[in-house]
Amino acid sequence: MKALQAHKGNRAWCHARRSRPSRHSHAAYSLFELLVVVFILMLLTTISTLSAQDQWRNEQTYAVAQELAAWLGNVQRAAMRGMRCDLTIAPNANPVSNGQEMARASQTAGTSFPTSCLTYSSLMLESVPSPSQFTITPRLLTLTFTPRGTIANTSTDPVVISIANLAGGPVRCVRLDGLMGALRVGYLVGSTCQA
């Protein structure tokens, strides 16, 4: 009986010894597995960086469109005080970069009012960092805001001014409805400005 118990104890000890990892065996990753993990991390980093850059360009273009729409609104309100205001969009350079003139307003000759659109005579691009450049279409667009706040000399209604970042991203637009004088900022889809 003692021999049987000793034999059972010996088997249990041998089984426990076999199931324990030896001191010399180490669980390690192969070089291929490490390279796959590094590749996946680099791919995810690249995708997130490109997505952040697209979002940044979109925000810059939106800022330029908002700046133009706010300036047009100020000129329109000045015209509603009794002064006809003539506007020229992108009068000098296209593409436009930081510090350059995006739009210009002038007042009809021979009239003088205390509040005029000359208060908002030119719009300089100041809302984006220097290396960014934007194309404004149509170039040398001339509009006239009447004292009713509507657009006088346009052949198309609505007037759509598109703003595109040369670095890429979606094209933004400013839409002017001539009859109502409403200003909207949106995305350019085809030739339509969708707010």
N, C-alpha and C. Protein backbone atom coordinates (compact mmCIF):
# COMPACT_ATOMS: atom_id res chain seq x y z
N MET A 1 0.80 -1.17 0.00
CA MET A 1 0.00 0.00 0.00
C MET A 1 0.87 1.27 0.00
N LYS A 2 1.93 1.21 0.81
CA LYS A 2 2.82 2.35 0.85
C LYS A 2 3.49 2.56 -0.49
N ALA A 3 3.77 1.47 -1.17
CA ALA A 3 4.42 1.57 -2.47
C ALA A 3 3.48 2.19 -3.49
N LEU A 4 2.17 1.83 -3.39
CA LEU A 4 1.18 2.39 -4.30
C LEU A 4 1.00 3.89 -4.06
N GLN A 5 0.99 4.27 -2.79
CA GLN A 5 0.85 5.70 -2.47
C GLN A 5 2.09 6.48 -2.92
N ALA A 6 3.21 5.88 -2.76
CA ALA A 6 4.45 6.53 -3.18
C ALA A 6 4.47 6.68 -4.70
N HIS A 7 3.94 5.64 -5.40
CA HIS A 7 3.90 5.70 -6.86
C HIS A 7 2.93 6.79 -7.33
N LYS A 8 1.74 6.88 -6.66
CA LYS A 8 0.77 7.92 -7.02
C LYS A 8 1.36 9.31 -6.75
N GLY A 9 2.00 9.47 -5.63
CA GLY A 9 2.62 10.75 -5.30
C GLY A 9 3.70 11.12 -6.28
N ASN A 10 4.46 10.12 -6.71
CA ASN A 10 5.52 10.31 -7.68
C ASN A 10 4.94 10.75 -9.02
N ARG A 11 3.79 10.14 -9.44
CA ARG A 11 3.15 10.51 -10.70
C ARG A 11 2.62 11.94 -10.64
N ALA A 12 2.02 12.30 -9.52
CA ALA A 12 1.50 13.65 -9.37
C ALA A 12 2.63 14.67 -9.42
N TRP A 13 3.75 14.31 -8.78
CA TRP A 13 4.89 15.22 -8.79
C TRP A 13 5.44 15.37 -10.20
N CYS A 14 5.50 14.28 -10.96
CA CYS A 14 6.00 14.31 -12.34
C CYS A 14 5.05 15.10 -13.23
N HIS A 15 3.74 14.92 -13.03
CA HIS A 15 2.76 15.64 -13.83
C HIS A 15 2.85 17.15 -13.56
N ALA A 16 2.98 17.52 -12.29
CA ALA A 16 3.11 18.94 -11.93
C ALA A 16 4.40 19.51 -12.50
N ARG A 17 5.45 18.71 -12.50
CA ARG A 17 6.73 19.16 -13.02
C ARG A 17 6.64 19.41 -14.53
N ARG A 18 5.91 18.53 -15.25
CA ARG A 18 5.78 18.68 -16.68
C ARG A 18 4.92 19.90 -17.05
N SER A 19 3.90 20.21 -16.27
CA SER A 19 3.00 21.31 -16.61
C SER A 19 3.60 22.68 -16.30
N ARG A 20 4.59 22.74 -15.43
CA ARG A 20 5.25 24.00 -15.12
C ARG A 20 6.22 24.38 -16.22
N PRO A 21 6.19 25.69 -16.65
CA PRO A 21 7.18 26.08 -17.65
C PRO A 21 8.57 26.07 -17.06
N SER A 22 9.51 25.73 -17.88
CA SER A 22 10.89 25.72 -17.38
C SER A 22 11.41 27.15 -17.30
N ARG A 23 12.48 27.31 -16.57
CA ARG A 23 13.06 28.64 -16.41
C ARG A 23 13.65 29.15 -17.72
N HIS A 24 13.96 28.28 -18.62
CA HIS A 24 14.64 28.68 -19.85
C HIS A 24 13.68 29.01 -20.98
N SER A 25 12.39 28.64 -20.89
CA SER A 25 11.46 28.94 -21.98
C SER A 25 10.79 30.29 -21.73
N HIS A 26 10.88 31.21 -22.68
CA HIS A 26 10.29 32.55 -22.57
C HIS A 26 9.28 32.72 -23.70
N ALA A 27 8.09 33.28 -23.37
CA ALA A 27 7.11 33.60 -24.41
C ALA A 27 7.54 34.92 -25.03
N ALA A 28 7.82 34.93 -26.32
CA ALA A 28 8.30 36.14 -26.99
C ALA A 28 7.59 36.29 -28.32
N TYR A 29 7.60 37.54 -28.82
CA TYR A 29 7.01 37.82 -30.12
C TYR A 29 8.09 37.70 -31.18
N SER A 30 7.68 37.23 -32.32
CA SER A 30 8.65 37.12 -33.41
C SER A 30 8.83 38.51 -34.04
N LEU A 31 9.86 38.65 -34.82
CA LEU A 31 10.14 39.91 -35.50
C LEU A 31 8.99 40.27 -36.44
N PHE A 32 8.44 39.30 -37.11
CA PHE A 32 7.33 39.53 -38.02
C PHE A 32 6.12 40.09 -37.28
N GLU A 33 5.80 39.53 -36.13
CA GLU A 33 4.65 40.02 -35.34
C GLU A 33 4.88 41.46 -34.89
N LEU A 34 6.09 41.78 -34.47
CA LEU A 34 6.40 43.16 -34.08
C LEU A 34 6.28 44.13 -35.26
N LEU A 35 6.74 43.70 -36.43
CA LEU A 35 6.65 44.55 -37.62
C LEU A 35 5.19 44.79 -38.02
N VAL A 36 4.35 43.77 -37.88
CA VAL A 36 2.93 43.93 -38.20
C VAL A 36 2.29 44.94 -37.25
N VAL A 37 2.60 44.87 -35.97
CA VAL A 37 2.04 45.81 -34.99
C VAL A 37 2.51 47.24 -35.29
N VAL A 38 3.79 47.39 -35.60
CA VAL A 38 4.32 48.73 -35.92
C VAL A 38 3.67 49.27 -37.19
N PHE A 39 3.47 48.44 -38.19
CA PHE A 39 2.82 48.86 -39.44
C PHE A 39 1.40 49.32 -39.18
N ILE A 40 0.65 48.58 -38.38
CA ILE A 40 -0.74 48.95 -38.07
C ILE A 40 -0.78 50.28 -37.33
N LEU A 41 0.13 50.48 -36.38
CA LEU A 41 0.17 51.76 -35.64
C LEU A 41 0.52 52.92 -36.57
N MET A 42 1.45 52.72 -37.49
CA MET A 42 1.80 53.78 -38.44
C MET A 42 0.63 54.09 -39.37
N LEU A 43 -0.09 53.07 -39.81
CA LEU A 43 -1.24 53.26 -40.68
C LEU A 43 -2.34 54.06 -39.97
N LEU A 44 -2.62 53.72 -38.72
CA LEU A 44 -3.64 54.45 -37.96
C LEU A 44 -3.22 55.90 -37.73
N THR A 45 -1.95 56.13 -37.46
CA THR A 45 -1.45 57.49 -37.25
C THR A 45 -1.58 58.31 -38.53
N THR A 46 -1.25 57.71 -39.67
CA THR A 46 -1.35 58.42 -40.96
C THR A 46 -2.79 58.78 -41.27
N ILE A 47 -3.70 57.85 -41.06
CA ILE A 47 -5.12 58.11 -41.33
C ILE A 47 -5.64 59.23 -40.44
N SER A 48 -5.30 59.19 -39.16
CA SER A 48 -5.80 60.24 -38.27
C SER A 48 -5.18 61.60 -38.59
N THR A 49 -3.92 61.63 -39.03
CA THR A 49 -3.28 62.89 -39.40
C THR A 49 -3.93 63.48 -40.65
N LEU A 50 -4.19 62.64 -41.65
CA LEU A 50 -4.84 63.13 -42.87
C LEU A 50 -6.25 63.63 -42.58
N SER A 51 -6.96 62.95 -41.72
CA SER A 51 -8.30 63.38 -41.35
C SER A 51 -8.27 64.73 -40.63
N ALA A 52 -7.30 64.91 -39.75
CA ALA A 52 -7.17 66.19 -39.04
C ALA A 52 -6.82 67.32 -40.00
N GLN A 53 -5.96 67.03 -41.00
CA GLN A 53 -5.60 68.05 -41.98
C GLN A 53 -6.80 68.44 -42.83
N ASP A 54 -7.63 67.47 -43.24
CA ASP A 54 -8.83 67.77 -44.01
C ASP A 54 -9.79 68.64 -43.19
N GLN A 55 -9.94 68.30 -41.92
CA GLN A 55 -10.82 69.08 -41.05
C GLN A 55 -10.29 70.51 -40.90
N TRP A 56 -8.98 70.66 -40.77
CA TRP A 56 -8.37 71.98 -40.63
C TRP A 56 -8.59 72.83 -41.88
N ARG A 57 -8.41 72.22 -43.07
CA ARG A 57 -8.65 72.96 -44.31
C ARG A 57 -10.12 73.35 -44.44
N ASN A 58 -11.01 72.48 -44.05
CA ASN A 58 -12.44 72.77 -44.09
C ASN A 58 -12.77 73.96 -43.18
N GLU A 59 -12.20 73.96 -41.99
CA GLU A 59 -12.45 75.06 -41.05
C GLU A 59 -11.88 76.38 -41.57
N GLN A 60 -10.72 76.34 -42.21
CA GLN A 60 -10.14 77.56 -42.78
C GLN A 60 -11.04 78.13 -43.88
N THR A 61 -11.52 77.26 -44.77
CA THR A 61 -12.38 77.71 -45.86
C THR A 61 -13.69 78.28 -45.30
N TYR A 62 -14.22 77.64 -44.28
CA TYR A 62 -15.44 78.13 -43.65
C TYR A 62 -15.21 79.51 -43.01
N ALA A 63 -14.05 79.70 -42.39
CA ALA A 63 -13.73 81.00 -41.78
C ALA A 63 -13.67 82.11 -42.83
N VAL A 64 -13.10 81.81 -44.00
CA VAL A 64 -13.03 82.81 -45.08
C VAL A 64 -14.44 83.13 -45.59
N ALA A 65 -15.26 82.10 -45.77
CA ALA A 65 -16.64 82.32 -46.23
C ALA A 65 -17.43 83.14 -45.21
N GLN A 66 -17.26 82.86 -43.93
CA GLN A 66 -17.94 83.63 -42.88
C GLN A 66 -17.48 85.08 -42.87
N GLU A 67 -16.18 85.27 -43.07
CA GLU A 67 -15.63 86.63 -43.10
C GLU A 67 -16.23 87.43 -44.26
N LEU A 68 -16.30 86.81 -45.43
CA LEU A 68 -16.88 87.48 -46.60
C LEU A 68 -18.36 87.77 -46.39
N ALA A 69 -19.10 86.80 -45.85
CA ALA A 69 -20.54 87.00 -45.62
C ALA A 69 -20.79 88.11 -44.60
N ALA A 70 -19.99 88.18 -43.55
CA ALA A 70 -20.16 89.24 -42.55
C ALA A 70 -19.89 90.60 -43.16
N TRP A 71 -18.84 90.70 -43.97
CA TRP A 71 -18.53 91.97 -44.62
C TRP A 71 -19.64 92.38 -45.58
N LEU A 72 -20.14 91.43 -46.38
CA LEU A 72 -21.25 91.73 -47.29
C LEU A 72 -22.48 92.20 -46.52
N GLY A 73 -22.74 91.58 -45.38
CA GLY A 73 -23.87 92.01 -44.54
C GLY A 73 -23.70 93.43 -44.04
N ASN A 74 -22.47 93.80 -43.65
CA ASN A 74 -22.22 95.18 -43.20
C ASN A 74 -22.43 96.19 -44.32
N VAL A 75 -21.94 95.86 -45.53
CA VAL A 75 -22.12 96.76 -46.67
C VAL A 75 -23.60 96.86 -47.02
N GLN A 76 -24.29 95.74 -46.97
CA GLN A 76 -25.73 95.73 -47.27
C GLN A 76 -26.50 96.61 -46.28
N ARG A 77 -26.17 96.52 -45.00
CA ARG A 77 -26.85 97.37 -44.00
C ARG A 77 -26.52 98.84 -44.21
N ALA A 78 -25.28 99.15 -44.62
CA ALA A 78 -24.91 100.54 -44.92
C ALA A 78 -25.71 101.05 -46.11
N ALA A 79 -25.93 100.21 -47.11
CA ALA A 79 -26.73 100.61 -48.28
C ALA A 79 -28.17 100.86 -47.88
N MET A 80 -28.67 100.11 -46.93
CA MET A 80 -30.06 100.28 -46.50
C MET A 80 -30.30 101.60 -45.77
N ARG A 81 -29.24 102.29 -45.41
CA ARG A 81 -29.37 103.59 -44.77
C ARG A 81 -29.50 104.71 -45.80
N GLY A 82 -29.61 104.34 -47.09
CA GLY A 82 -29.87 105.34 -48.12
C GLY A 82 -28.76 105.51 -49.13
N MET A 83 -27.77 104.64 -49.17
CA MET A 83 -26.63 104.78 -50.07
C MET A 83 -26.50 103.57 -50.98
N ARG A 84 -26.36 103.82 -52.26
CA ARG A 84 -26.07 102.72 -53.20
C ARG A 84 -24.60 102.35 -53.07
N CYS A 85 -24.33 101.07 -52.92
CA CYS A 85 -22.95 100.60 -52.75
C CYS A 85 -22.59 99.63 -53.85
N ASP A 86 -21.49 99.90 -54.54
CA ASP A 86 -20.98 99.00 -55.56
C ASP A 86 -19.89 98.14 -54.95
N LEU A 87 -19.92 96.84 -55.26
CA LEU A 87 -18.97 95.88 -54.71
C LEU A 87 -18.19 95.22 -55.83
N THR A 88 -16.94 94.93 -55.55
CA THR A 88 -16.13 94.10 -56.44
C THR A 88 -15.51 93.01 -55.60
N ILE A 89 -15.74 91.75 -56.02
CA ILE A 89 -15.19 90.61 -55.29
C ILE A 89 -13.89 90.19 -55.96
N ALA A 90 -12.87 89.94 -55.15
CA ALA A 90 -11.52 89.55 -55.61
C ALA A 90 -11.01 90.51 -56.67
N PRO A 91 -10.82 91.79 -56.34
CA PRO A 91 -10.46 92.77 -57.35
C PRO A 91 -9.03 92.69 -57.85
N ASN A 92 -8.10 92.24 -57.02
CA ASN A 92 -6.69 92.30 -57.40
C ASN A 92 -6.08 90.94 -57.70
N ALA A 93 -6.11 90.06 -56.74
CA ALA A 93 -5.40 88.79 -56.87
C ALA A 93 -6.36 87.62 -56.68
N ASN A 94 -6.09 86.58 -57.41
CA ASN A 94 -6.82 85.34 -57.22
C ASN A 94 -5.85 84.22 -57.59
N PRO A 95 -5.38 83.40 -56.72
CA PRO A 95 -5.85 83.17 -55.37
C PRO A 95 -5.46 84.28 -54.39
N VAL A 96 -6.24 84.33 -53.32
CA VAL A 96 -6.05 85.33 -52.27
C VAL A 96 -5.39 84.65 -51.08
N SER A 97 -4.40 85.31 -50.51
CA SER A 97 -3.77 84.78 -49.30
C SER A 97 -3.87 85.82 -48.19
N ASN A 98 -3.39 85.48 -47.02
CA ASN A 98 -3.52 86.33 -45.84
C ASN A 98 -2.92 87.70 -46.09
N GLY A 99 -3.68 88.74 -45.72
CA GLY A 99 -3.23 90.12 -45.89
C GLY A 99 -3.60 90.74 -47.22
N GLN A 100 -4.21 89.98 -48.13
CA GLN A 100 -4.61 90.53 -49.42
C GLN A 100 -6.09 90.90 -49.41
N GLU A 101 -6.46 91.77 -50.36
CA GLU A 101 -7.83 92.26 -50.45
C GLU A 101 -8.74 91.21 -51.09
N MET A 102 -9.82 90.87 -50.39
CA MET A 102 -10.80 89.91 -50.92
C MET A 102 -11.94 90.60 -51.64
N ALA A 103 -12.33 91.78 -51.18
CA ALA A 103 -13.46 92.49 -51.77
C ALA A 103 -13.30 93.98 -51.51
N ARG A 104 -13.98 94.78 -52.35
CA ARG A 104 -13.90 96.23 -52.22
C ARG A 104 -15.29 96.82 -52.43
N ALA A 105 -15.60 97.85 -51.68
CA ALA A 105 -16.88 98.57 -51.84
C ALA A 105 -16.58 100.00 -52.22
N SER A 106 -17.47 100.55 -53.04
CA SER A 106 -17.36 101.97 -53.39
C SER A 106 -18.78 102.54 -53.42
N GLN A 107 -18.84 103.84 -53.28
CA GLN A 107 -20.12 104.50 -53.18
C GLN A 107 -20.41 105.23 -54.49
N THR A 108 -21.69 105.33 -54.84
CA THR A 108 -22.07 106.02 -56.07
C THR A 108 -21.62 107.48 -55.99
N ALA A 109 -20.98 107.94 -57.04
CA ALA A 109 -20.43 109.30 -57.06
C ALA A 109 -21.53 110.35 -56.96
N GLY A 110 -21.19 111.46 -56.33
CA GLY A 110 -22.11 112.60 -56.26
C GLY A 110 -23.06 112.56 -55.09
N THR A 111 -22.96 111.57 -54.25
CA THR A 111 -23.83 111.52 -53.07
C THR A 111 -22.98 111.40 -51.83
N SER A 112 -23.42 112.03 -50.78
CA SER A 112 -22.68 111.91 -49.52
C SER A 112 -23.69 111.78 -48.38
N PHE A 113 -23.51 110.76 -47.61
CA PHE A 113 -24.34 110.52 -46.43
C PHE A 113 -23.41 110.33 -45.25
N PRO A 114 -23.90 110.61 -44.05
CA PRO A 114 -23.04 110.42 -42.88
C PRO A 114 -22.58 108.97 -42.72
N THR A 115 -23.47 108.02 -42.97
CA THR A 115 -23.07 106.62 -42.91
C THR A 115 -23.09 106.08 -44.32
N SER A 116 -21.96 105.57 -44.74
CA SER A 116 -21.86 105.08 -46.11
C SER A 116 -21.15 103.74 -46.12
N CYS A 117 -21.17 103.09 -47.27
CA CYS A 117 -20.48 101.81 -47.39
C CYS A 117 -18.97 101.97 -47.40
N LEU A 118 -18.49 103.21 -47.50
CA LEU A 118 -17.04 103.43 -47.47
C LEU A 118 -16.46 103.12 -46.10
N THR A 119 -17.32 103.04 -45.08
CA THR A 119 -16.87 102.59 -43.76
C THR A 119 -16.32 101.18 -43.88
N TYR A 120 -16.87 100.39 -44.79
CA TYR A 120 -16.44 99.01 -45.02
C TYR A 120 -15.80 98.91 -46.40
N SER A 121 -14.93 99.88 -46.75
CA SER A 121 -14.45 100.01 -48.12
C SER A 121 -13.72 98.79 -48.65
N SER A 122 -12.96 98.09 -47.84
CA SER A 122 -12.30 96.90 -48.36
C SER A 122 -12.24 95.81 -47.30
N LEU A 123 -12.21 94.60 -47.78
CA LEU A 123 -12.13 93.43 -46.91
C LEU A 123 -10.79 92.77 -47.15
N MET A 124 -9.96 92.75 -46.12
CA MET A 124 -8.66 92.08 -46.19
C MET A 124 -8.80 90.71 -45.56
N LEU A 125 -8.20 89.71 -46.18
CA LEU A 125 -8.23 88.35 -45.63
C LEU A 125 -7.31 88.30 -44.43
N GLU A 126 -7.89 88.07 -43.25
CA GLU A 126 -7.10 88.06 -42.02
C GLU A 126 -7.43 86.89 -41.11
N SER A 127 -8.34 86.01 -41.51
CA SER A 127 -8.80 84.98 -40.59
C SER A 127 -8.04 83.66 -40.68
N VAL A 128 -7.05 83.57 -41.57
CA VAL A 128 -6.33 82.31 -41.74
C VAL A 128 -4.82 82.54 -41.71
N PRO A 129 -4.03 81.50 -41.42
CA PRO A 129 -2.57 81.67 -41.41
C PRO A 129 -2.01 81.93 -42.82
N SER A 130 -0.82 82.46 -42.86
CA SER A 130 -0.22 82.94 -44.09
C SER A 130 -0.06 81.94 -45.23
N PRO A 131 0.36 80.72 -45.04
CA PRO A 131 0.60 79.90 -46.23
C PRO A 131 -0.67 79.51 -46.98
N SER A 132 -1.84 79.67 -46.38
CA SER A 132 -3.08 79.25 -47.03
C SER A 132 -3.47 80.21 -48.15
N GLN A 133 -3.98 79.65 -49.25
CA GLN A 133 -4.44 80.44 -50.38
C GLN A 133 -5.82 79.93 -50.81
N PHE A 134 -6.67 80.87 -51.26
CA PHE A 134 -8.04 80.55 -51.61
C PHE A 134 -8.39 81.16 -52.95
N THR A 135 -9.10 80.40 -53.77
CA THR A 135 -9.62 80.95 -55.01
C THR A 135 -11.06 81.36 -54.78
N ILE A 136 -11.40 82.52 -55.30
CA ILE A 136 -12.76 83.04 -55.17
C ILE A 136 -13.33 83.13 -56.58
N THR A 137 -14.50 82.51 -56.76
CA THR A 137 -15.14 82.46 -58.08
C THR A 137 -16.55 82.99 -57.95
N PRO A 138 -17.04 83.80 -58.83
CA PRO A 138 -16.37 84.38 -60.00
C PRO A 138 -15.45 85.52 -59.59
N ARG A 139 -14.40 85.68 -60.35
CA ARG A 139 -13.44 86.74 -60.07
C ARG A 139 -13.93 88.03 -60.71
N LEU A 140 -13.63 89.13 -60.07
CA LEU A 140 -14.04 90.47 -60.52
C LEU A 140 -15.55 90.57 -60.67
N LEU A 141 -16.27 89.92 -59.79
CA LEU A 141 -17.72 90.02 -59.75
C LEU A 141 -18.09 91.40 -59.22
N THR A 142 -18.96 92.12 -59.94
CA THR A 142 -19.38 93.45 -59.52
C THR A 142 -20.86 93.40 -59.19
N LEU A 143 -21.21 93.85 -58.00
CA LEU A 143 -22.60 93.88 -57.53
C LEU A 143 -22.91 95.27 -57.01
N THR A 144 -24.19 95.59 -56.95
CA THR A 144 -24.62 96.86 -56.37
C THR A 144 -25.74 96.58 -55.37
N PHE A 145 -25.51 96.97 -54.12
CA PHE A 145 -26.57 96.91 -53.11
C PHE A 145 -27.37 98.20 -53.18
N THR A 146 -28.67 98.09 -53.25
CA THR A 146 -29.56 99.25 -53.31
C THR A 146 -29.97 99.64 -51.90
N PRO A 147 -30.61 100.82 -51.74
CA PRO A 147 -31.10 101.21 -50.42
C PRO A 147 -32.15 100.25 -49.85
N ARG A 148 -32.74 99.41 -50.67
CA ARG A 148 -33.67 98.40 -50.14
C ARG A 148 -32.93 97.18 -49.63
N GLY A 149 -31.61 97.11 -49.84
CA GLY A 149 -30.81 95.97 -49.40
C GLY A 149 -30.75 94.85 -50.41
N THR A 150 -31.30 95.08 -51.59
CA THR A 150 -31.29 94.05 -52.63
C THR A 150 -30.15 94.30 -53.61
N ILE A 151 -29.89 93.33 -54.47
CA ILE A 151 -28.84 93.45 -55.47
C ILE A 151 -29.46 93.97 -56.76
N ALA A 152 -28.86 95.03 -57.33
CA ALA A 152 -29.47 95.71 -58.48
C ALA A 152 -29.04 95.15 -59.83
N ASN A 153 -27.77 94.90 -60.03
CA ASN A 153 -27.27 94.68 -61.39
C ASN A 153 -26.83 93.24 -61.65
N THR A 154 -27.55 92.28 -61.15
CA THR A 154 -27.15 90.90 -61.38
C THR A 154 -28.06 90.23 -62.38
N SER A 155 -27.49 89.40 -63.22
CA SER A 155 -28.31 88.68 -64.20
C SER A 155 -28.75 87.33 -63.64
N THR A 156 -28.11 86.86 -62.61
CA THR A 156 -28.49 85.57 -62.01
C THR A 156 -29.01 85.79 -60.60
N ASP A 157 -29.99 85.02 -60.24
CA ASP A 157 -30.50 85.07 -58.87
C ASP A 157 -30.72 83.64 -58.42
N PRO A 158 -30.09 83.17 -57.41
CA PRO A 158 -29.19 83.87 -56.50
C PRO A 158 -27.76 83.99 -57.07
N VAL A 159 -26.99 84.88 -56.47
CA VAL A 159 -25.57 85.02 -56.80
C VAL A 159 -24.81 84.08 -55.87
N VAL A 160 -23.95 83.25 -56.45
CA VAL A 160 -23.17 82.31 -55.67
C VAL A 160 -21.69 82.65 -55.82
N ILE A 161 -21.03 82.91 -54.70
CA ILE A 161 -19.60 83.16 -54.67
C ILE A 161 -18.96 81.95 -54.00
N SER A 162 -18.11 81.25 -54.72
CA SER A 162 -17.48 80.05 -54.17
C SER A 162 -16.07 80.36 -53.67
N ILE A 163 -15.68 79.66 -52.61
CA ILE A 163 -14.36 79.84 -51.99
C ILE A 163 -13.75 78.46 -51.84
N ALA A 164 -12.60 78.25 -52.47
CA ALA A 164 -11.93 76.95 -52.43
C ALA A 164 -10.52 77.12 -51.89
N ASN A 165 -10.13 76.23 -51.00
CA ASN A 165 -8.78 76.20 -50.46
C ASN A 165 -7.89 75.49 -51.49
N LEU A 166 -6.78 76.11 -51.88
CA LEU A 166 -5.90 75.49 -52.87
C LEU A 166 -5.28 74.19 -52.36
N ALA A 167 -5.21 74.02 -51.03
CA ALA A 167 -4.66 72.80 -50.46
C ALA A 167 -5.66 71.65 -50.50
N GLY A 168 -6.90 71.93 -50.86
CA GLY A 168 -7.92 70.89 -50.95
C GLY A 168 -9.01 71.09 -49.92
N GLY A 169 -9.91 70.14 -49.88
CA GLY A 169 -11.04 70.21 -48.96
C GLY A 169 -12.30 70.64 -49.68
N PRO A 170 -13.42 70.65 -48.97
CA PRO A 170 -14.69 71.01 -49.61
C PRO A 170 -14.73 72.49 -49.98
N VAL A 171 -15.50 72.79 -51.01
CA VAL A 171 -15.66 74.17 -51.48
C VAL A 171 -16.84 74.78 -50.73
N ARG A 172 -16.60 75.93 -50.12
CA ARG A 172 -17.65 76.67 -49.42
C ARG A 172 -18.19 77.75 -50.34
N CYS A 173 -19.34 78.30 -49.97
CA CYS A 173 -19.94 79.32 -50.82
C CYS A 173 -20.72 80.32 -49.97
N VAL A 174 -20.88 81.51 -50.55
CA VAL A 174 -21.74 82.55 -49.99
C VAL A 174 -22.82 82.78 -51.03
N ARG A 175 -24.07 82.68 -50.59
CA ARG A 175 -25.21 82.83 -51.49
C ARG A 175 -25.93 84.13 -51.16
N LEU A 176 -26.16 84.95 -52.19
CA LEU A 176 -26.89 86.21 -52.04
C LEU A 176 -28.17 86.10 -52.86
N ASP A 177 -29.29 86.16 -52.19
CA ASP A 177 -30.58 86.18 -52.89
C ASP A 177 -30.90 87.62 -53.20
N GLY A 178 -30.96 87.96 -54.50
CA GLY A 178 -31.11 89.35 -54.94
C GLY A 178 -32.41 90.00 -54.53
N LEU A 179 -33.51 89.29 -54.63
CA LEU A 179 -34.80 89.90 -54.31
C LEU A 179 -34.96 90.16 -52.82
N MET A 180 -34.53 89.21 -52.02
CA MET A 180 -34.69 89.35 -50.57
C MET A 180 -33.45 89.94 -49.91
N GLY A 181 -32.33 89.85 -50.59
CA GLY A 181 -31.08 90.36 -50.01
C GLY A 181 -30.53 89.44 -48.93
N ALA A 182 -30.99 88.17 -48.88
CA ALA A 182 -30.54 87.24 -47.84
C ALA A 182 -29.15 86.71 -48.15
N LEU A 183 -28.35 86.58 -47.11
CA LEU A 183 -27.00 86.04 -47.22
C LEU A 183 -26.94 84.70 -46.50
N ARG A 184 -26.35 83.70 -47.15
CA ARG A 184 -26.19 82.39 -46.52
C ARG A 184 -24.81 81.85 -46.84
N VAL A 185 -24.26 81.08 -45.90
CA VAL A 185 -22.99 80.39 -46.11
C VAL A 185 -23.29 78.90 -46.14
N GLY A 186 -22.69 78.19 -47.10
CA GLY A 186 -22.94 76.76 -47.20
C GLY A 186 -21.84 76.05 -47.97
N TYR A 187 -22.16 74.83 -48.43
CA TYR A 187 -21.26 74.03 -49.26
C TYR A 187 -21.69 74.17 -50.72
N LEU A 188 -20.72 74.22 -51.61
CA LEU A 188 -21.02 74.27 -53.03
C LEU A 188 -21.18 72.84 -53.54
N VAL A 189 -22.35 72.51 -54.04
CA VAL A 189 -22.63 71.20 -54.61
C VAL A 189 -23.04 71.44 -56.06
N GLY A 190 -22.16 71.08 -56.99
CA GLY A 190 -22.39 71.42 -58.39
C GLY A 190 -22.26 72.93 -58.54
N SER A 191 -23.35 73.58 -58.95
CA SER A 191 -23.36 75.06 -59.02
C SER A 191 -24.33 75.65 -58.00
N THR A 192 -24.80 74.81 -57.08
CA THR A 192 -25.77 75.23 -56.08
C THR A 192 -25.10 75.40 -54.74
N CYS A 193 -25.44 76.46 -54.04
CA CYS A 193 -24.93 76.70 -52.69
C CYS A 193 -25.95 76.18 -51.70
N GLN A 194 -25.62 75.08 -51.04
CA GLN A 194 -26.53 74.47 -50.08
C GLN A 194 -26.13 74.84 -48.66
N ALA A 195 -27.01 75.56 -47.99
CA ALA A 195 -26.72 76.02 -46.63
C ALA A 195 -26.84 74.88 -45.64
